[in-house]
N, C-alpha and C. Protein backbone atom coordinates (compact mmCIF):
# COMPACT_ATOMS: atom_id res chain seq x y z
N UNK A 1 156.79 129.39 74.68
CA UNK A 1 155.32 129.55 74.52
C UNK A 1 154.72 128.15 74.67
N UNK A 2 155.71 127.21 73.98
CA UNK A 2 155.21 125.67 73.79
C UNK A 2 155.48 125.05 75.34
N UNK A 3 156.47 125.65 75.97
CA UNK A 3 156.35 125.16 77.48
C UNK A 3 155.24 125.41 78.26
N UNK A 4 154.80 126.66 78.16
CA UNK A 4 153.72 127.21 78.91
C UNK A 4 152.42 126.48 78.52
N UNK A 5 152.45 126.29 77.22
CA UNK A 5 151.38 125.51 76.72
C UNK A 5 151.20 124.00 77.34
N UNK A 6 152.21 123.49 77.37
CA UNK A 6 152.39 121.83 77.94
C UNK A 6 152.14 122.06 79.44
N UNK A 7 152.64 123.10 80.24
CA UNK A 7 152.33 123.25 81.58
C UNK A 7 150.80 123.40 81.81
N UNK A 8 150.34 124.33 80.88
CA UNK A 8 148.69 124.76 81.08
C UNK A 8 148.03 123.66 80.75
N UNK A 9 148.62 122.71 79.68
CA UNK A 9 147.53 121.56 79.45
C UNK A 9 147.81 120.27 80.40
N UNK A 10 148.99 120.24 81.26
CA UNK A 10 149.04 119.31 82.30
C UNK A 10 148.11 119.85 83.44
N UNK A 11 148.38 121.16 83.70
CA UNK A 11 147.33 121.63 84.80
C UNK A 11 145.77 121.37 84.45
N UNK A 12 145.53 121.65 83.40
CA UNK A 12 144.06 121.28 82.96
C UNK A 12 143.59 119.96 83.00
N UNK A 13 144.56 119.26 82.63
CA UNK A 13 144.31 117.82 82.71
C UNK A 13 144.37 117.24 84.38
N UNK A 14 144.99 117.82 85.13
CA UNK A 14 144.98 117.75 86.45
C UNK A 14 143.60 118.03 87.09
N UNK A 15 143.30 119.51 86.79
CA UNK A 15 141.97 119.79 87.31
C UNK A 15 141.06 119.23 87.02
N UNK A 16 140.77 118.32 85.55
CA UNK A 16 139.98 117.79 84.91
C UNK A 16 139.51 116.45 85.79
N UNK A 17 140.81 115.66 86.04
CA UNK A 17 141.22 114.52 86.82
C UNK A 17 140.34 114.81 88.06
N UNK A 18 140.88 115.85 88.88
CA UNK A 18 140.39 116.18 90.19
C UNK A 18 138.91 116.40 90.14
N UNK A 19 138.13 117.16 89.14
CA UNK A 19 136.67 117.40 89.15
C UNK A 19 136.24 116.12 88.84
N UNK A 20 136.61 115.21 88.05
CA UNK A 20 135.89 113.94 87.84
C UNK A 20 135.83 113.19 89.09
N UNK A 21 137.07 113.16 89.96
CA UNK A 21 136.97 112.31 91.22
C UNK A 21 136.20 112.89 91.94
N UNK A 22 135.90 114.29 92.19
CA UNK A 22 135.09 114.98 93.16
C UNK A 22 133.56 114.57 92.54
N UNK A 23 133.31 114.75 91.35
CA UNK A 23 132.08 114.49 90.94
C UNK A 23 131.48 113.17 91.09
N UNK A 24 132.57 112.16 90.69
CA UNK A 24 132.28 110.83 91.04
C UNK A 24 132.08 110.68 92.67
N UNK A 25 132.75 111.15 93.53
CA UNK A 25 132.76 111.17 94.91
C UNK A 25 131.34 111.67 95.26
N UNK A 26 130.90 112.79 94.61
CA UNK A 26 129.83 113.68 95.38
C UNK A 26 128.68 112.90 94.76
N UNK A 27 128.65 112.28 93.46
CA UNK A 27 127.50 111.55 93.07
C UNK A 27 127.29 110.52 93.84
N UNK A 28 128.42 109.65 94.16
CA UNK A 28 128.41 108.44 95.03
C UNK A 28 127.58 108.59 96.20
N UNK A 29 128.19 109.80 96.83
CA UNK A 29 127.73 110.23 98.27
C UNK A 29 126.22 110.55 97.92
N UNK A 30 125.86 111.18 96.92
CA UNK A 30 124.27 111.59 96.91
C UNK A 30 123.56 110.29 96.69
N UNK A 31 124.17 109.65 95.74
CA UNK A 31 123.34 108.17 95.41
C UNK A 31 122.93 107.28 96.67
N UNK A 32 124.45 107.29 97.48
CA UNK A 32 124.00 106.51 98.68
C UNK A 32 123.16 107.16 99.73
N UNK A 33 123.07 108.45 100.01
CA UNK A 33 122.56 109.27 100.84
C UNK A 33 120.78 108.99 100.41
N UNK A 34 120.67 109.09 99.24
CA UNK A 34 119.20 108.73 98.70
C UNK A 34 118.63 107.47 98.99
N UNK A 35 119.62 106.41 98.58
CA UNK A 35 119.26 105.05 98.97
C UNK A 35 119.03 104.75 100.51
N UNK A 36 120.03 105.43 101.13
CA UNK A 36 119.70 105.29 102.71
C UNK A 36 118.40 105.95 103.06
N UNK A 37 118.10 107.15 102.63
CA UNK A 37 116.78 107.84 103.25
C UNK A 37 115.64 107.04 102.75
N UNK A 38 115.87 106.50 101.60
CA UNK A 38 114.46 105.64 100.83
C UNK A 38 114.38 104.46 101.80
N UNK A 39 115.34 104.00 102.11
CA UNK A 39 115.26 102.39 102.96
C UNK A 39 114.78 102.65 104.38
N UNK A 40 115.25 103.74 104.81
CA UNK A 40 114.71 104.22 106.10
C UNK A 40 113.34 104.42 106.03
N UNK A 41 113.04 105.40 105.14
CA UNK A 41 111.57 105.54 105.21
C UNK A 41 110.71 104.54 104.67
N UNK A 42 111.10 103.60 103.78
CA UNK A 42 110.51 102.42 103.50
C UNK A 42 110.38 101.66 104.62
N UNK A 43 111.45 101.32 105.39
CA UNK A 43 111.13 100.52 106.84
C UNK A 43 110.28 101.37 107.61
N UNK A 44 110.04 102.42 107.69
CA UNK A 44 109.15 102.94 108.62
C UNK A 44 107.52 103.00 108.23
N UNK A 45 107.67 103.04 106.72
CA UNK A 45 106.21 102.76 105.89
C UNK A 45 105.83 101.41 106.33
N UNK A 46 106.82 100.34 106.15
CA UNK A 46 106.46 98.94 106.51
C UNK A 46 106.01 98.58 107.98
N UNK A 47 106.61 99.25 108.90
CA UNK A 47 106.35 99.11 110.15
C UNK A 47 105.27 99.67 110.62
N UNK A 48 104.75 100.91 110.02
CA UNK A 48 103.44 101.60 110.02
C UNK A 48 102.24 100.64 109.36
N UNK A 49 102.52 100.30 108.26
CA UNK A 49 101.58 99.59 107.64
C UNK A 49 101.37 98.10 108.29
N UNK A 50 102.22 97.55 108.91
CA UNK A 50 102.11 96.36 109.31
C UNK A 50 101.53 96.17 110.54
N UNK A 51 101.16 97.54 111.42
CA UNK A 51 100.49 97.58 112.64
C UNK A 51 99.10 97.16 112.49
N UNK A 52 98.46 97.66 111.28
CA UNK A 52 97.09 97.26 110.99
C UNK A 52 97.05 96.37 109.94
N UNK A 53 95.98 95.49 109.80
CA UNK A 53 95.65 94.36 109.02
C UNK A 53 95.61 95.31 107.60
N UNK A 54 96.43 94.85 106.53
CA UNK A 54 96.36 95.32 105.34
C UNK A 54 94.89 94.60 104.61
N UNK A 55 94.87 95.47 103.33
CA UNK A 55 93.64 94.75 102.57
C UNK A 55 93.96 93.61 102.07
N UNK A 56 93.17 92.65 102.27
CA UNK A 56 93.20 91.16 101.94
C UNK A 56 92.51 90.92 100.74
N UNK A 57 92.91 90.40 99.40
CA UNK A 57 92.21 90.08 98.24
C UNK A 57 92.66 88.70 97.73
N UNK A 58 92.00 87.64 98.38
CA UNK A 58 92.49 86.53 97.95
C UNK A 58 91.02 85.79 97.43
N UNK A 59 91.16 84.42 97.08
CA UNK A 59 90.10 83.60 96.75
C UNK A 59 90.09 82.29 97.49
N UNK A 60 88.69 82.01 97.65
CA UNK A 60 88.32 80.57 98.34
C UNK A 60 88.60 79.69 97.21
N UNK A 61 88.47 78.44 97.74
CA UNK A 61 88.64 77.33 96.71
C UNK A 61 87.76 77.43 95.67
N UNK A 62 86.52 77.95 96.03
CA UNK A 62 85.55 77.61 94.86
C UNK A 62 85.65 79.32 93.99
N UNK A 63 86.75 79.65 94.17
CA UNK A 63 86.93 80.88 93.33
C UNK A 63 86.39 82.14 93.49
N UNK A 64 85.72 82.37 94.96
CA UNK A 64 85.06 83.56 95.26
C UNK A 64 86.27 84.44 95.63
N UNK A 65 86.18 85.58 95.81
CA UNK A 65 86.93 86.88 96.30
C UNK A 65 86.63 86.72 97.69
N UNK A 66 87.70 86.79 98.40
CA UNK A 66 87.64 86.91 99.83
C UNK A 66 88.56 88.33 100.30
N UNK A 67 87.99 89.13 101.08
CA UNK A 67 88.30 90.46 101.41
C UNK A 67 88.05 90.62 102.66
N UNK A 68 88.63 91.92 103.41
CA UNK A 68 88.52 92.07 104.80
C UNK A 68 87.23 92.00 105.21
N UNK A 69 86.23 92.50 104.36
CA UNK A 69 84.70 92.40 104.60
C UNK A 69 84.50 91.16 105.00
N UNK A 70 85.15 90.09 104.49
CA UNK A 70 84.44 88.82 104.74
C UNK A 70 85.07 88.13 106.29
N UNK A 71 85.74 89.15 106.93
CA UNK A 71 86.40 88.49 108.23
C UNK A 71 85.37 88.79 109.36
N UNK A 72 85.51 88.10 110.19
CA UNK A 72 84.61 88.11 111.45
C UNK A 72 84.87 89.36 112.02
N UNK A 73 83.70 90.02 112.66
CA UNK A 73 84.12 91.24 113.30
C UNK A 73 84.54 90.95 114.76
N UNK A 74 85.13 91.91 115.37
CA UNK A 74 85.34 91.83 116.81
C UNK A 74 85.90 90.44 117.24
N UNK A 75 86.91 89.83 116.41
CA UNK A 75 87.38 88.79 116.74
C UNK A 75 88.80 88.67 116.36
N UNK A 76 89.74 87.84 117.33
CA UNK A 76 91.26 87.88 116.81
C UNK A 76 91.10 87.23 115.56
N UNK A 77 92.38 87.31 114.99
CA UNK A 77 92.84 86.87 113.73
C UNK A 77 94.16 86.22 113.77
N UNK A 78 94.32 84.88 113.22
CA UNK A 78 95.60 84.51 112.91
C UNK A 78 95.63 84.29 111.22
N UNK A 79 96.54 84.91 110.72
CA UNK A 79 97.01 84.75 109.32
C UNK A 79 98.04 83.64 109.16
N UNK A 80 97.67 82.55 108.66
CA UNK A 80 98.85 81.39 108.40
C UNK A 80 99.20 81.29 106.87
N UNK A 81 100.45 81.72 106.65
CA UNK A 81 100.72 81.56 105.06
C UNK A 81 101.74 80.24 105.21
N UNK A 82 101.23 79.25 104.28
CA UNK A 82 101.84 78.25 104.37
C UNK A 82 102.04 77.56 102.80
N UNK A 83 103.03 76.62 102.66
CA UNK A 83 103.14 75.69 101.63
C UNK A 83 102.45 74.38 101.91
N UNK A 84 101.83 73.74 101.27
CA UNK A 84 101.28 72.36 101.55
C UNK A 84 102.18 71.26 101.65
N UNK A 85 103.49 71.57 100.82
CA UNK A 85 104.68 70.52 100.86
C UNK A 85 105.46 70.68 102.09
N UNK A 86 105.30 71.75 102.99
CA UNK A 86 106.25 72.25 103.90
C UNK A 86 105.99 71.33 105.15
N UNK A 87 106.84 70.40 105.71
CA UNK A 87 106.71 69.90 106.95
C UNK A 87 106.40 70.59 108.05
N UNK A 88 107.11 71.79 108.38
CA UNK A 88 106.84 72.66 109.58
C UNK A 88 105.45 73.43 109.55
N UNK A 89 105.05 73.61 108.07
CA UNK A 89 103.63 74.13 107.94
C UNK A 89 102.64 73.15 108.47
N UNK A 90 102.86 71.80 107.95
CA UNK A 90 101.81 70.60 108.63
C UNK A 90 101.85 70.78 110.04
N UNK A 91 103.10 70.75 110.73
CA UNK A 91 103.20 70.67 112.17
C UNK A 91 102.35 72.05 112.70
N UNK A 92 102.70 73.14 112.11
CA UNK A 92 102.06 74.73 112.78
C UNK A 92 100.42 74.25 112.61
N UNK A 93 100.04 73.80 111.43
CA UNK A 93 98.59 73.80 111.38
C UNK A 93 97.91 72.73 112.50
N UNK A 94 98.68 71.54 112.49
CA UNK A 94 98.06 70.35 113.22
C UNK A 94 97.99 70.96 114.78
N UNK A 95 98.91 71.80 115.26
CA UNK A 95 99.16 72.21 116.58
C UNK A 95 97.87 73.24 116.80
N UNK A 96 97.59 74.00 115.70
CA UNK A 96 96.57 74.92 115.81
C UNK A 96 95.23 74.39 115.84
N UNK A 97 95.06 73.25 114.98
CA UNK A 97 93.90 72.45 115.19
C UNK A 97 93.55 71.58 116.43
N UNK A 98 94.48 71.29 116.91
CA UNK A 98 94.68 70.67 118.00
C UNK A 98 94.26 71.51 119.35
N UNK A 99 94.51 72.72 119.12
CA UNK A 99 94.12 73.77 120.19
C UNK A 99 92.98 74.73 120.10
N UNK A 100 92.36 74.38 118.93
CA UNK A 100 90.98 75.14 118.84
C UNK A 100 90.00 75.67 119.79
N UNK A 101 90.06 74.70 120.87
CA UNK A 101 89.35 75.10 121.93
C UNK A 101 89.87 76.46 122.66
N UNK A 102 91.15 76.71 122.53
CA UNK A 102 91.65 77.81 123.09
C UNK A 102 91.62 79.12 122.20
N UNK A 103 91.00 78.87 121.23
CA UNK A 103 91.04 79.87 120.02
C UNK A 103 89.70 80.14 119.63
N UNK A 104 88.63 79.91 120.61
CA UNK A 104 87.17 80.15 120.36
C UNK A 104 86.76 81.42 119.52
N UNK A 105 87.44 82.41 119.95
CA UNK A 105 86.90 83.74 119.41
C UNK A 105 88.04 84.29 118.55
N UNK A 106 88.81 83.42 117.89
CA UNK A 106 89.79 83.65 116.92
C UNK A 106 89.47 83.06 115.64
N UNK A 107 89.45 84.15 114.54
CA UNK A 107 89.38 83.42 113.22
C UNK A 107 90.64 83.09 112.45
N UNK A 108 91.09 81.93 111.69
CA UNK A 108 92.00 81.44 111.31
C UNK A 108 91.89 81.43 109.94
N UNK A 109 92.69 82.20 109.30
CA UNK A 109 92.70 82.18 107.74
C UNK A 109 94.16 81.86 107.15
N UNK A 110 94.15 80.83 106.42
CA UNK A 110 95.24 80.12 105.88
C UNK A 110 95.23 80.66 104.36
N UNK A 111 96.66 81.05 104.10
CA UNK A 111 96.66 81.56 102.63
C UNK A 111 97.86 80.76 102.15
N UNK A 112 97.65 80.48 100.84
CA UNK A 112 98.84 79.91 100.14
C UNK A 112 98.83 80.07 98.56
N UNK A 113 100.15 80.14 97.98
CA UNK A 113 100.09 80.30 96.50
C UNK A 113 100.16 79.33 95.79
N UNK A 114 99.93 78.21 96.47
CA UNK A 114 100.30 76.54 95.59
C UNK A 114 98.97 76.78 94.90
N UNK A 115 99.06 75.56 93.76
CA UNK A 115 97.88 75.38 93.04
C UNK A 115 96.59 74.95 93.54
N UNK A 116 95.29 75.51 93.34
CA UNK A 116 94.29 75.23 93.90
C UNK A 116 93.92 73.81 94.04
N UNK A 117 94.54 72.91 93.07
CA UNK A 117 94.27 71.44 93.43
C UNK A 117 94.88 70.83 94.47
N UNK A 118 96.27 71.42 94.71
CA UNK A 118 97.03 70.97 95.84
C UNK A 118 96.26 71.32 97.05
N UNK A 119 95.88 72.55 97.16
CA UNK A 119 94.94 73.29 98.26
C UNK A 119 93.55 72.47 98.64
N UNK A 120 93.06 71.94 97.64
CA UNK A 120 91.85 70.97 97.81
C UNK A 120 92.36 69.77 98.40
N UNK A 121 93.57 68.94 98.16
CA UNK A 121 93.96 67.88 98.48
C UNK A 121 94.15 68.22 100.09
N UNK A 122 94.84 69.21 100.32
CA UNK A 122 95.25 69.63 101.82
C UNK A 122 94.22 69.92 102.46
N UNK A 123 93.06 70.53 102.11
CA UNK A 123 91.96 70.73 102.91
C UNK A 123 91.36 69.55 103.26
N UNK A 124 90.91 68.59 102.21
CA UNK A 124 90.64 67.28 102.60
C UNK A 124 91.47 66.65 103.65
N UNK A 125 92.83 66.57 103.53
CA UNK A 125 93.70 65.83 104.54
C UNK A 125 93.32 66.41 106.06
N UNK A 126 93.12 67.43 106.16
CA UNK A 126 93.16 68.16 107.49
C UNK A 126 91.50 68.52 107.81
N UNK A 127 90.69 68.03 106.81
CA UNK A 127 89.29 68.17 106.73
C UNK A 127 88.69 69.63 107.38
N UNK A 128 89.59 70.39 106.83
CA UNK A 128 89.06 71.90 107.07
C UNK A 128 87.85 72.35 107.09
N UNK A 129 86.91 71.71 106.22
CA UNK A 129 85.72 72.30 105.89
C UNK A 129 84.64 71.99 107.28
N UNK A 130 85.14 71.26 108.09
CA UNK A 130 84.49 70.99 109.33
C UNK A 130 84.68 72.04 110.56
N UNK A 131 85.64 72.91 110.22
CA UNK A 131 86.16 74.02 111.26
C UNK A 131 85.58 75.33 110.84
N UNK A 132 84.51 75.83 111.50
CA UNK A 132 84.02 77.14 111.02
C UNK A 132 84.54 78.05 110.97
N UNK A 133 85.89 78.30 111.84
CA UNK A 133 86.51 79.34 112.00
C UNK A 133 88.00 79.30 111.28
N UNK A 134 88.05 78.36 110.25
CA UNK A 134 89.22 78.15 109.48
C UNK A 134 88.75 78.46 108.16
N UNK A 135 89.44 79.24 107.36
CA UNK A 135 89.33 79.55 105.88
C UNK A 135 90.55 79.49 105.26
N UNK A 136 90.53 78.67 104.05
CA UNK A 136 91.68 78.24 103.39
C UNK A 136 91.55 79.17 101.98
N UNK A 137 92.51 80.02 101.79
CA UNK A 137 92.55 80.96 100.48
C UNK A 137 93.61 80.52 99.86
N UNK A 138 93.33 80.90 98.36
CA UNK A 138 94.19 80.64 97.33
C UNK A 138 94.76 82.17 97.07
N UNK A 139 95.93 82.24 97.02
CA UNK A 139 96.71 83.43 96.39
C UNK A 139 97.59 83.31 95.09
N UNK A 140 96.92 83.17 94.10
CA UNK A 140 97.53 82.74 92.77
C UNK A 140 98.67 83.55 92.25
N UNK A 141 98.78 84.91 92.73
CA UNK A 141 99.69 85.66 92.30
C UNK A 141 100.78 85.66 93.46
N UNK A 142 100.84 85.14 94.30
CA UNK A 142 101.43 85.31 95.81
C UNK A 142 101.69 86.94 96.21
N UNK A 143 100.68 87.51 96.17
CA UNK A 143 100.71 88.98 96.69
C UNK A 143 100.91 89.10 98.08
N UNK A 144 100.53 87.78 98.91
CA UNK A 144 100.66 87.98 100.36
C UNK A 144 102.35 87.99 100.68
N UNK A 145 102.90 87.17 99.81
CA UNK A 145 104.44 87.12 100.14
C UNK A 145 105.35 88.61 99.86
N UNK A 146 104.98 89.19 98.98
CA UNK A 146 105.48 90.79 98.83
C UNK A 146 104.70 91.54 99.57
N UNK A 147 103.57 91.35 99.94
CA UNK A 147 102.70 92.37 100.72
C UNK A 147 103.32 92.28 102.22
N UNK A 148 103.70 91.47 102.83
CA UNK A 148 104.12 91.03 104.19
C UNK A 148 105.75 90.99 104.10
N UNK A 149 106.51 90.92 102.86
CA UNK A 149 107.90 90.86 103.04
C UNK A 149 108.35 89.64 103.72
N UNK A 150 107.77 88.63 103.28
CA UNK A 150 107.94 87.30 104.12
C UNK A 150 109.47 86.69 103.99
N UNK A 151 109.96 86.05 104.82
CA UNK A 151 111.20 85.19 104.77
C UNK A 151 111.00 83.80 104.32
N UNK A 152 109.81 83.17 104.76
CA UNK A 152 109.50 81.76 104.46
C UNK A 152 108.49 81.17 104.91
N UNK A 153 108.38 79.78 104.85
CA UNK A 153 107.11 78.90 105.34
C UNK A 153 107.54 78.39 106.82
N UNK A 154 106.43 78.22 107.55
CA UNK A 154 105.15 79.10 107.74
C UNK A 154 105.38 80.40 108.29
N UNK A 155 104.77 81.45 107.93
CA UNK A 155 104.54 82.56 108.47
C UNK A 155 103.38 82.88 109.15
N UNK A 156 103.31 83.51 110.14
CA UNK A 156 101.96 83.48 111.06
C UNK A 156 101.88 85.08 111.59
N UNK A 157 100.82 85.67 111.46
CA UNK A 157 100.38 86.89 111.91
C UNK A 157 99.20 86.88 112.58
N UNK A 158 99.46 87.40 113.90
CA UNK A 158 98.30 87.39 115.03
C UNK A 158 97.82 88.86 115.10
N UNK A 159 96.49 89.08 115.02
CA UNK A 159 95.85 90.24 115.25
C UNK A 159 94.87 90.26 116.26
N UNK A 160 94.78 91.34 117.07
CA UNK A 160 93.49 91.39 117.94
C UNK A 160 92.21 91.61 117.38
N UNK A 161 91.22 91.83 118.18
CA UNK A 161 89.88 91.94 117.62
C UNK A 161 89.77 93.39 116.92
N UNK A 162 90.73 94.21 117.16
CA UNK A 162 90.70 95.40 116.31
C UNK A 162 91.33 95.48 115.17
N UNK A 163 91.95 94.30 114.88
CA UNK A 163 92.75 94.02 113.59
C UNK A 163 94.14 94.66 113.77
N UNK A 164 94.68 94.75 114.73
CA UNK A 164 95.98 95.38 115.01
C UNK A 164 96.77 94.41 115.35
N UNK A 165 98.05 94.27 114.65
CA UNK A 165 99.17 93.15 114.83
C UNK A 165 99.56 93.17 116.25
N UNK A 166 99.59 91.90 116.75
CA UNK A 166 100.12 91.41 118.12
C UNK A 166 101.49 91.02 118.09
N UNK A 167 101.57 89.81 117.14
CA UNK A 167 103.05 89.17 117.13
C UNK A 167 103.01 88.60 115.48
N UNK A 168 104.20 88.36 114.95
CA UNK A 168 104.45 87.83 113.82
C UNK A 168 105.38 86.89 114.24
N UNK A 169 105.42 85.69 113.28
CA UNK A 169 106.60 84.90 113.30
C UNK A 169 106.67 84.18 111.93
N UNK A 170 108.00 84.13 111.55
CA UNK A 170 108.35 83.71 110.20
C UNK A 170 109.17 82.23 110.14
N UNK A 171 108.63 81.56 111.17
CA UNK A 171 109.14 79.90 111.05
C UNK A 171 108.12 79.34 112.16
N UNK A 172 108.22 77.87 112.12
CA UNK A 172 107.26 77.20 113.12
C UNK A 172 107.61 77.96 114.52
N UNK A 173 106.49 77.97 115.26
CA UNK A 173 106.20 78.60 116.43
C UNK A 173 105.53 77.69 117.11
N UNK A 174 105.88 77.45 118.73
CA UNK A 174 105.23 76.48 119.60
C UNK A 174 103.79 77.41 119.80
N UNK A 175 102.78 76.33 119.85
CA UNK A 175 101.47 76.98 120.28
C UNK A 175 101.44 77.99 121.49
N UNK A 176 102.34 77.63 122.70
CA UNK A 176 102.29 78.60 123.74
C UNK A 176 102.78 79.75 123.53
N UNK A 177 103.45 80.10 122.44
CA UNK A 177 103.86 81.45 121.96
C UNK A 177 102.77 81.98 121.11
N UNK A 178 101.95 81.59 120.46
CA UNK A 178 100.86 82.12 119.82
C UNK A 178 99.80 82.52 121.01
N UNK A 179 99.53 81.63 121.99
CA UNK A 179 98.77 82.14 123.11
C UNK A 179 99.30 83.21 123.96
N UNK A 180 100.69 83.35 124.11
CA UNK A 180 101.18 84.23 124.89
C UNK A 180 100.79 85.62 124.07
N UNK A 181 100.62 85.68 122.83
CA UNK A 181 100.67 86.85 122.03
C UNK A 181 99.15 87.40 122.39
N UNK A 182 98.18 86.63 122.36
CA UNK A 182 96.76 86.88 122.72
C UNK A 182 96.62 87.19 124.17
N UNK A 183 97.17 86.58 124.92
CA UNK A 183 97.22 86.97 126.44
C UNK A 183 97.93 88.50 126.63
N UNK A 184 99.01 88.62 126.08
CA UNK A 184 99.61 89.94 126.09
C UNK A 184 98.66 91.14 125.70
N UNK A 185 98.13 90.67 124.57
CA UNK A 185 96.96 91.73 123.96
C UNK A 185 95.66 92.06 124.69
N UNK A 186 95.27 91.05 125.44
CA UNK A 186 94.34 91.23 126.28
C UNK A 186 94.32 91.94 127.57
N UNK A 187 95.64 92.13 127.99
CA UNK A 187 95.90 92.90 129.05
C UNK A 187 95.81 94.36 129.06
């Protein structure tokens, strides 16, 4: 009887080990399946969401709330996310300002999470107040970065007059590529 008990005990331990391994493998499979499905659906959501302009809620330098209702209707839109200490951001903005004649029907909204004082200095450096189609906004909670899942500075989003996404760039881009986006959208 002792031998049977030992044999039965070994068999029980074996089955418990097998069940633990199966449970571990099953749980691992389920967890990875759920994560995969979540990532796929999240990616689809982001693509769908990005096709139209999301709700903007940032602040002008005089601390007034700026939302989509403040945007010019029936005009193209460039959203430029930048950091005033970024050289590529300066280069991007300079080429946009130098080519404003080509962007007559385009509103340019610059968004930055940097402190308001830095943005005021930046605005004076580029004399942004003299350009009626350029608005500089403060994003104190860095919502834009999370909302657009950005990779870095500068990031540029180009929308047509229906506020549908035409092109996006997550680094410096030559002005010809910006214009190409608008030309393709107008066809």
